[in-house]
Amino acid sequence: MPLLEIVQTTHVNATVRLEESTATLVDQYAAFLHAPADEVVDKALAYVFSKDRDFQDFLRTPEAAHVAPTLRVRRLGQNGSTPELVSDSAKATKSPEAAHDSRQRNQA
């Protein structure tokens, strides 16, 4: 039997907007734990999701399986190229960065 158990997890990059005071608290909590802010947000959300009984009940409904994605998720393109949007709602509109990049290419 191996001495270590390695659990493979998949991470995504997501863009979220926070109130400035919340962002400050995330940074402070991360410093308190000596952990990255991303991990604080991830673990805090996982904790809330696991403790919310009404949400757990909702997850067992057919409606939960058909929720449209609204979180702006990005993944790296092949060979570390420019990130591309993953969520369908985000595909419909260009990000400000993408619009800025296309303006720069058009001016060249």
C-alpha atoms as a PDB file:
ATOM      1  CA  MET A   1       0.000   0.000   0.000  1.00  0.00           C
ATOM      2  CA  PRO A   2       1.425   3.436  -0.918  1.00  0.00           C
ATOM      3  CA  LEU A   3       2.382   5.769   1.903  1.00  0.00           C
ATOM      4  CA  LEU A   4       0.949   8.788   0.093  1.00  0.00           C
ATOM      5  CA  GLU A   5      -2.448   9.291  -1.417  1.00  0.00           C
ATOM      6  CA  ILE A   6      -2.424  11.837  -4.231  1.00  0.00           C
ATOM      7  CA  VAL A   7      -5.779  13.362  -5.097  1.00  0.00           C
ATOM      8  CA  GLN A   8      -5.865  15.015  -8.505  1.00  0.00           C
ATOM      9  CA  THR A   9      -7.982  18.159  -8.555  1.00  0.00           C
ATOM     10  CA  THR A  10      -8.823  20.455 -11.414  1.00  0.00           C
ATOM     11  CA  HIS A  11      -8.556  24.174 -10.874  1.00  0.00           C
ATOM     12  CA  VAL A  12     -10.031  26.919 -13.026  1.00  0.00           C
ATOM     13  CA  ASN A  13      -9.443  30.641 -13.018  1.00  0.00           C
ATOM     14  CA  ALA A  14     -12.588  32.658 -12.446  1.00  0.00           C
ATOM     15  CA  THR A  15     -13.171  36.377 -12.329  1.00  0.00           C
ATOM     16  CA  VAL A  16     -15.430  37.639  -9.562  1.00  0.00           C
ATOM     17  CA  ARG A  17     -16.223  41.088  -8.266  1.00  0.00           C
ATOM     18  CA  LEU A  18     -15.981  41.668  -4.527  1.00  0.00           C
ATOM     19  CA  GLU A  19     -16.731  44.636  -2.362  1.00  0.00           C
ATOM     20  CA  GLU A  20     -13.479  46.335  -1.460  1.00  0.00           C
ATOM     21  CA  SER A  21     -13.962  45.576   2.229  1.00  0.00           C
ATOM     22  CA  THR A  22     -14.486  41.873   1.444  1.00  0.00           C
ATOM     23  CA  ALA A  23     -11.329  41.760  -0.683  1.00  0.00           C
ATOM     24  CA  THR A  24      -9.388  43.314   2.183  1.00  0.00           C
ATOM     25  CA  LEU A  25     -10.756  40.733   4.615  1.00  0.00           C
ATOM     26  CA  VAL A  26      -9.838  37.897   2.230  1.00  0.00           C
ATOM     27  CA  ASP A  27      -6.268  39.197   2.074  1.00  0.00           C
ATOM     28  CA  GLN A  28      -6.140  39.590   5.849  1.00  0.00           C
ATOM     29  CA  TYR A  29      -7.529  36.102   6.439  1.00  0.00           C
ATOM     30  CA  ALA A  30      -5.037  34.676   3.955  1.00  0.00           C
ATOM     31  CA  ALA A  31      -2.204  36.383   5.841  1.00  0.00           C
ATOM     32  CA  PHE A  32      -3.608  35.052   9.117  1.00  0.00           C
ATOM     33  CA  LEU A  33      -3.604  31.488   7.716  1.00  0.00           C
ATOM     34  CA  HIS A  34      -0.363  31.899   5.771  1.00  0.00           C
ATOM     35  CA  ALA A  35      -2.282  30.708   2.695  1.00  0.00           C
ATOM     36  CA  PRO A  36      -3.012  32.091  -0.765  1.00  0.00           C
ATOM     37  CA  ALA A  37      -6.115  34.279  -1.065  1.00  0.00           C
ATOM     38  CA  ASP A  38      -7.446  31.984  -3.812  1.00  0.00           C
ATOM     39  CA  GLU A  39      -7.426  29.082  -1.383  1.00  0.00           C
ATOM     40  CA  VAL A  40      -9.231  31.128   1.275  1.00  0.00           C
ATOM     41  CA  VAL A  41     -12.034  31.972  -1.171  1.00  0.00           C
ATOM     42  CA  ASP A  42     -12.243  28.375  -2.424  1.00  0.00           C
ATOM     43  CA  LYS A  43     -12.376  26.847   1.061  1.00  0.00           C
ATOM     44  CA  ALA A  44     -14.785  29.482   2.400  1.00  0.00           C
ATOM     45  CA  LEU A  45     -17.239  28.837  -0.420  1.00  0.00           C
ATOM     46  CA  ALA A  46     -16.926  25.058  -0.049  1.00  0.00           C
ATOM     47  CA  TYR A  47     -17.600  25.438   3.685  1.00  0.00           C
ATOM     48  CA  VAL A  48     -20.709  27.576   3.136  1.00  0.00           C
ATOM     49  CA  PHE A  49     -22.042  25.232   0.444  1.00  0.00           C
ATOM     50  CA  SER A  50     -21.584  22.199   2.702  1.00  0.00           C
ATOM     51  CA  LYS A  51     -23.255  23.815   5.731  1.00  0.00           C
ATOM     52  CA  ASP A  52     -26.281  25.359   3.985  1.00  0.00           C
ATOM     53  CA  ARG A  53     -29.029  22.733   4.372  1.00  0.00           C
ATOM     54  CA  ASP A  54     -31.442  24.503   2.022  1.00  0.00           C
ATOM     55  CA  PHE A  55     -28.743  24.613  -0.656  1.00  0.00           C
ATOM     56  CA  GLN A  56     -27.982  20.911  -0.134  1.00  0.00           C
ATOM     57  CA  ASP A  57     -31.688  20.191  -0.634  1.00  0.00           C
ATOM     58  CA  PHE A  58     -31.675  22.312  -3.808  1.00  0.00           C
ATOM     59  CA  LEU A  59     -28.706  20.342  -5.177  1.00  0.00           C
ATOM     60  CA  ARG A  60     -30.836  17.187  -5.042  1.00  0.00           C
ATOM     61  CA  THR A  61     -33.508  18.715  -7.322  1.00  0.00           C
ATOM     62  CA  PRO A  62     -33.662  18.416 -11.123  1.00  0.00           C
ATOM     63  CA  GLU A  63     -33.515  22.222 -11.309  1.00  0.00           C
ATOM     64  CA  ALA A  64     -29.959  22.227  -9.925  1.00  0.00           C
ATOM     65  CA  ALA A  65     -28.736  20.132 -12.859  1.00  0.00           C
ATOM     66  CA  HIS A  66     -29.987  22.734 -15.356  1.00  0.00           C
ATOM     67  CA  VAL A  67     -28.567  25.964 -13.947  1.00  0.00           C
ATOM     68  CA  ALA A  68     -27.041  28.170 -16.640  1.00  0.00           C
ATOM     69  CA  PRO A  69     -23.405  29.067 -15.884  1.00  0.00           C
ATOM     70  CA  THR A  70     -22.841  32.720 -15.020  1.00  0.00           C
ATOM     71  CA  LEU A  71     -19.396  32.559 -13.415  1.00  0.00           C
ATOM     72  CA  ARG A  72     -16.711  33.959 -15.717  1.00  0.00           C
ATOM     73  CA  VAL A  73     -14.330  30.994 -15.913  1.00  0.00           C
ATOM     74  CA  ARG A  74     -11.071  31.108 -17.878  1.00  0.00           C
ATOM     75  CA  ARG A  75      -8.712  28.357 -18.860  1.00  0.00           C
ATOM     76  CA  LEU A  76      -5.311  28.635 -20.489  1.00  0.00           C
ATOM     77  CA  GLY A  77      -5.191  28.006 -24.205  1.00  0.00           C
ATOM     78  CA  GLN A  78      -2.813  25.468 -25.679  1.00  0.00           C
ATOM     79  CA  ASN A  79       0.867  26.032 -24.904  1.00  0.00           C
ATOM     80  CA  GLY A  80       0.025  28.712 -22.315  1.00  0.00           C
ATOM     81  CA  SER A  81      -1.486  31.040 -24.910  1.00  0.00           C
ATOM     82  CA  THR A  82      -4.057  33.714 -24.171  1.00  0.00           C
ATOM     83  CA  PRO A  83      -6.777  32.495 -21.800  1.00  0.00           C
ATOM     84  CA  GLU A  84     -10.152  31.769 -23.332  1.00  0.00           C
ATOM     85  CA  LEU A  85     -13.557  32.131 -21.724  1.00  0.00           C
ATOM     86  CA  VAL A  86     -15.304  28.887 -20.883  1.00  0.00           C
ATOM     87  CA  SER A  87     -18.811  29.845 -19.735  1.00  0.00           C
ATOM     88  CA  ASP A  88     -21.479  30.223 -22.426  1.00  0.00           C
ATOM     89  CA  SER A  89     -22.736  33.526 -21.053  1.00  0.00           C
ATOM     90  CA  ALA A  90     -19.261  35.010 -21.239  1.00  0.00           C
ATOM     91  CA  LYS A  91     -18.714  33.788 -24.817  1.00  0.00           C
ATOM     92  CA  ALA A  92     -21.456  36.072 -26.063  1.00  0.00           C
ATOM     93  CA  THR A  93     -19.587  39.233 -25.127  1.00  0.00           C
ATOM     94  CA  LYS A  94     -15.956  40.138 -25.517  1.00  0.00           C
ATOM     95  CA  SER A  95     -14.030  40.922 -22.392  1.00  0.00           C
ATOM     96  CA  PRO A  96     -12.546  44.444 -22.120  1.00  0.00           C
ATOM     97  CA  GLU A  97      -9.085  42.872 -22.479  1.00  0.00           C
ATOM     98  CA  ALA A  98     -10.041  41.118 -25.714  1.00  0.00           C
ATOM     99  CA  ALA A  99     -11.569  44.306 -27.129  1.00  0.00           C
ATOM    100  CA  HIS A 100      -8.421  46.224 -26.198  1.00  0.00           C
ATOM    101  CA  ASP A 101      -6.200  43.579 -27.816  1.00  0.00           C
ATOM    102  CA  SER A 102      -8.189  43.618 -31.054  1.00  0.00           C
ATOM    103  CA  ARG A 103      -7.993  47.428 -31.190  1.00  0.00           C
ATOM    104  CA  GLN A 104      -4.220  47.227 -30.847  1.00  0.00           C
ATOM    105  CA  ARG A 105      -3.967  44.666 -33.682  1.00  0.00           C
ATOM    106  CA  ASN A 106      -6.194  46.789 -35.918  1.00  0.00           C
ATOM    107  CA  GLN A 107      -4.032  49.874 -35.319  1.00  0.00           C
ATOM    108  CA  ALA A 108      -0.811  48.042 -36.234  1.00  0.00           C
END
